[in-house]
Amino acid sequence: QVQLVESGGGLVQPGASLRLSCAASGRPFGSLTMAWFRQAPGKEREFVAFIKWSGDSTDYADSVKGRFTISRDNAKNTVYLQMSSVKPEDTAVYYCAARNLGIGTAEYQYSSWGQGTQVTVSS
C-alpha cells in the first residue's frame, strides 16, 4: 500500500500561482504513475493530470492544459502540481493518487489516494 500526503493548498487570488506537493511512501516511487484529481463543492471528483512512472509521459484535463504542470522528483519521492493563472473554477479539494505502472485518467485506475488539500481561488 502506498501512503500519500498532499501539501501546498491554500487561498490564492485569481491569476496567481500555487504549487501542490505529494509525498509518497510504502512502494518504490519509480514504479508509480502519479496523478492529481480534484473535487469541487457539489461536483464529482475529476481528473486533472498524470505523470507516467517513467516520467516521459504526461496528460492533462482540457480545463487546465497550458496552465498546470505536473512533475516528479524521484529522489524525493514527490510529485508536484504547478498551478498558474488560477481561476475561481479551480477551487476544489485536490487529491494525489498513485497506481503501479500503467497510465490512466479514471479514478478506478488508481489504487492509492491521499487525504486531499484545499485550494480556494478568490479575490
C-alpha atoms as a PDB file:
ATOM      1  CA  GLN A   1       0.000   0.000   0.000  1.00  0.00           C
ATOM      2  CA  VAL A   2       1.198   3.461  -0.870  1.00  0.00           C
ATOM      3  CA  GLN A   3       0.840   6.312   1.582  1.00  0.00           C
ATOM      4  CA  LEU A   4       0.316   9.754   0.035  1.00  0.00           C
ATOM      5  CA  VAL A   5       0.440  13.114   1.795  1.00  0.00           C
ATOM      6  CA  GLU A   6      -0.503  16.297  -0.044  1.00  0.00           C
ATOM      7  CA  SER A   7       0.538  19.802   0.914  1.00  0.00           C
ATOM      8  CA  GLY A   8       0.631  23.299  -0.509  1.00  0.00           C
ATOM      9  CA  GLY A   9      -3.025  24.197  -0.719  1.00  0.00           C
ATOM     10  CA  GLY A  10      -4.457  27.492   0.417  1.00  0.00           C
ATOM     11  CA  LEU A  11      -6.244  30.679  -0.546  1.00  0.00           C
ATOM     12  CA  VAL A  12      -4.968  32.431  -3.655  1.00  0.00           C
ATOM     13  CA  GLN A  13      -6.164  35.264  -5.831  1.00  0.00           C
ATOM     14  CA  PRO A  14      -7.244  34.768  -9.438  1.00  0.00           C
ATOM     15  CA  GLY A  15      -4.268  34.849 -11.773  1.00  0.00           C
ATOM     16  CA  ALA A  16      -1.808  33.785  -9.098  1.00  0.00           C
ATOM     17  CA  SER A  17       0.326  30.654  -8.914  1.00  0.00           C
ATOM     18  CA  LEU A  18       0.444  27.824  -6.431  1.00  0.00           C
ATOM     19  CA  ARG A  19       2.413  24.595  -6.173  1.00  0.00           C
ATOM     20  CA  LEU A  20       0.994  21.446  -4.659  1.00  0.00           C
ATOM     21  CA  SER A  21       3.212  18.638  -3.435  1.00  0.00           C
ATOM     22  CA  CYS A  22       2.505  14.984  -2.750  1.00  0.00           C
ATOM     23  CA  ALA A  23       4.982  12.833  -0.852  1.00  0.00           C
ATOM     24  CA  ALA A  24       4.748   9.083  -1.378  1.00  0.00           C
ATOM     25  CA  SER A  25       5.978   6.188   0.716  1.00  0.00           C
ATOM     26  CA  GLY A  26       5.497   2.452   1.006  1.00  0.00           C
ATOM     27  CA  ARG A  27       6.420   1.399  -2.514  1.00  0.00           C
ATOM     28  CA  PRO A  28       9.280   2.162  -4.941  1.00  0.00           C
ATOM     29  CA  PHE A  29       8.390   5.588  -6.260  1.00  0.00           C
ATOM     30  CA  GLY A  30       9.945   4.902  -9.630  1.00  0.00           C
ATOM     31  CA  SER A  31       7.282   2.308 -10.391  1.00  0.00           C
ATOM     32  CA  LEU A  32       4.353   4.602  -9.597  1.00  0.00           C
ATOM     33  CA  THR A  33       2.308   6.575 -12.068  1.00  0.00           C
ATOM     34  CA  MET A  34       1.148   9.629 -10.165  1.00  0.00           C
ATOM     35  CA  ALA A  35      -1.935  11.720 -10.761  1.00  0.00           C
ATOM     36  CA  TRP A  36      -3.877  14.669  -9.441  1.00  0.00           C
ATOM     37  CA  PHE A  37      -7.639  14.747  -9.245  1.00  0.00           C
ATOM     38  CA  ARG A  38      -9.894  17.427  -7.806  1.00  0.00           C
ATOM     39  CA  GLN A  39     -13.379  17.713  -6.400  1.00  0.00           C
ATOM     40  CA  ALA A  40     -15.255  20.988  -6.332  1.00  0.00           C
ATOM     41  CA  PRO A  41     -18.204  21.544  -3.982  1.00  0.00           C
ATOM     42  CA  GLY A  42     -21.265  19.714  -5.232  1.00  0.00           C
ATOM     43  CA  LYS A  43     -19.395  18.068  -8.099  1.00  0.00           C
ATOM     44  CA  GLU A  44     -17.855  14.705  -8.761  1.00  0.00           C
ATOM     45  CA  ARG A  45     -14.130  14.171  -8.493  1.00  0.00           C
ATOM     46  CA  GLU A  46     -12.390  14.786 -11.815  1.00  0.00           C
ATOM     47  CA  PHE A  47      -9.054  14.060 -13.400  1.00  0.00           C
ATOM     48  CA  VAL A  48      -6.520  16.897 -13.535  1.00  0.00           C
ATOM     49  CA  ALA A  49      -3.173  15.425 -14.640  1.00  0.00           C
ATOM     50  CA  PHE A  50      -0.951  12.380 -14.546  1.00  0.00           C
ATOM     51  CA  ILE A  51       2.744  11.687 -14.984  1.00  0.00           C
ATOM     52  CA  LYS A  52       3.844   8.228 -16.023  1.00  0.00           C
ATOM     53  CA  TRP A  53       6.061   6.164 -13.745  1.00  0.00           C
ATOM     54  CA  SER A  54       8.908   6.626 -16.261  1.00  0.00           C
ATOM     55  CA  GLY A  55       8.470  10.384 -16.281  1.00  0.00           C
ATOM     56  CA  ASP A  56       8.299  10.528 -20.075  1.00  0.00           C
ATOM     57  CA  SER A  57       4.583  10.976 -20.498  1.00  0.00           C
ATOM     58  CA  THR A  58       2.042  13.366 -19.048  1.00  0.00           C
ATOM     59  CA  ASP A  59      -1.587  14.184 -19.724  1.00  0.00           C
ATOM     60  CA  TYR A  60      -3.885  16.968 -18.614  1.00  0.00           C
ATOM     61  CA  ALA A  61      -7.563  17.757 -18.470  1.00  0.00           C
ATOM     62  CA  ASP A  62      -8.531  20.271 -21.122  1.00  0.00           C
ATOM     63  CA  SER A  63      -9.604  22.704 -18.401  1.00  0.00           C
ATOM     64  CA  VAL A  64      -6.059  23.010 -17.038  1.00  0.00           C
ATOM     65  CA  LYS A  65      -3.955  22.407 -20.143  1.00  0.00           C
ATOM     66  CA  GLY A  66      -1.431  25.205 -20.609  1.00  0.00           C
ATOM     67  CA  ARG A  67      -1.879  26.465 -17.035  1.00  0.00           C
ATOM     68  CA  PHE A  68      -0.932  23.490 -14.845  1.00  0.00           C
ATOM     69  CA  THR A  69       2.244  21.414 -14.969  1.00  0.00           C
ATOM     70  CA  ILE A  70       2.777  18.060 -13.294  1.00  0.00           C
ATOM     71  CA  SER A  71       6.313  16.935 -12.467  1.00  0.00           C
ATOM     72  CA  ARG A  72       8.076  14.428 -10.261  1.00  0.00           C
ATOM     73  CA  ASP A  73      11.286  14.212  -8.264  1.00  0.00           C
ATOM     74  CA  ASN A  74      12.148  10.559  -7.796  1.00  0.00           C
ATOM     75  CA  ALA A  75      14.964  11.412  -5.387  1.00  0.00           C
ATOM     76  CA  LYS A  76      12.396  12.987  -3.063  1.00  0.00           C
ATOM     77  CA  ASN A  77       9.540  10.554  -3.768  1.00  0.00           C
ATOM     78  CA  THR A  78       7.414  13.569  -4.542  1.00  0.00           C
ATOM     79  CA  VAL A  79       5.081  14.679  -7.300  1.00  0.00           C
ATOM     80  CA  TYR A  80       4.181  18.312  -7.876  1.00  0.00           C
ATOM     81  CA  LEU A  81       1.369  20.228  -9.487  1.00  0.00           C
ATOM     82  CA  GLN A  82       2.386  23.722 -10.510  1.00  0.00           C
ATOM     83  CA  MET A  83      -0.757  25.778 -10.924  1.00  0.00           C
ATOM     84  CA  SER A  84      -0.535  29.060 -12.809  1.00  0.00           C
ATOM     85  CA  SER A  85      -3.106  31.642 -13.864  1.00  0.00           C
ATOM     86  CA  VAL A  86      -5.571  30.082 -11.460  1.00  0.00           C
ATOM     87  CA  LYS A  87      -9.273  30.780 -11.831  1.00  0.00           C
ATOM     88  CA  PRO A  88     -12.158  30.678  -9.356  1.00  0.00           C
ATOM     89  CA  GLU A  89     -13.322  27.484 -11.060  1.00  0.00           C
ATOM     90  CA  ASP A  90     -10.083  25.816  -9.962  1.00  0.00           C
ATOM     91  CA  THR A  91     -11.402  25.934  -6.394  1.00  0.00           C
ATOM     92  CA  ALA A  92     -11.554  22.349  -5.152  1.00  0.00           C
ATOM     93  CA  VAL A  93     -10.015  19.754  -2.906  1.00  0.00           C
ATOM     94  CA  TYR A  94      -7.017  18.380  -4.780  1.00  0.00           C
ATOM     95  CA  TYR A  95      -6.162  14.709  -4.353  1.00  0.00           C
ATOM     96  CA  CYS A  96      -2.963  12.902  -5.167  1.00  0.00           C
ATOM     97  CA  ALA A  97      -3.322   9.354  -6.465  1.00  0.00           C
ATOM     98  CA  ALA A  98      -0.955   6.529  -7.387  1.00  0.00           C
ATOM     99  CA  ARG A  99      -1.015   3.321  -9.370  1.00  0.00           C
ATOM    100  CA  ASN A 100       1.650   0.754 -10.085  1.00  0.00           C
ATOM    101  CA  LEU A 101       2.953   1.170 -13.640  1.00  0.00           C
ATOM    102  CA  GLY A 102       0.477   1.841 -16.453  1.00  0.00           C
ATOM    103  CA  ILE A 103      -1.345   5.091 -17.051  1.00  0.00           C
ATOM    104  CA  GLY A 104      -4.913   6.294 -16.710  1.00  0.00           C
ATOM    105  CA  THR A 105      -7.276   9.199 -16.273  1.00  0.00           C
ATOM    106  CA  ALA A 106     -10.087   7.457 -14.402  1.00  0.00           C
ATOM    107  CA  GLU A 107     -10.460   7.206 -10.632  1.00  0.00           C
ATOM    108  CA  TYR A 108     -10.849   3.426 -10.657  1.00  0.00           C
ATOM    109  CA  GLN A 109      -7.433   3.081 -12.264  1.00  0.00           C
ATOM    110  CA  TYR A 110      -5.701   4.398  -9.122  1.00  0.00           C
ATOM    111  CA  SER A 111      -5.430   2.277  -6.003  1.00  0.00           C
ATOM    112  CA  SER A 112      -3.896   4.733  -3.521  1.00  0.00           C
ATOM    113  CA  TRP A 113      -5.198   8.152  -2.539  1.00  0.00           C
ATOM    114  CA  GLY A 114      -4.166  10.988  -0.305  1.00  0.00           C
ATOM    115  CA  GLN A 115      -6.454  12.891   2.045  1.00  0.00           C
ATOM    116  CA  GLY A 116      -6.591  15.950  -0.167  1.00  0.00           C
ATOM    117  CA  THR A 117      -5.592  19.598   0.128  1.00  0.00           C
ATOM    118  CA  GLN A 118      -7.976  22.516  -0.265  1.00  0.00           C
ATOM    119  CA  VAL A 119      -7.319  25.131  -2.939  1.00  0.00           C
ATOM    120  CA  THR A 120      -9.521  28.212  -2.915  1.00  0.00           C
ATOM    121  CA  VAL A 121      -9.239  30.833  -5.634  1.00  0.00           C
ATOM    122  CA  SER A 122     -10.912  34.053  -4.633  1.00  0.00           C
ATOM    123  CA  SER A 123     -10.280  37.769  -4.537  1.00  0.00           C
END
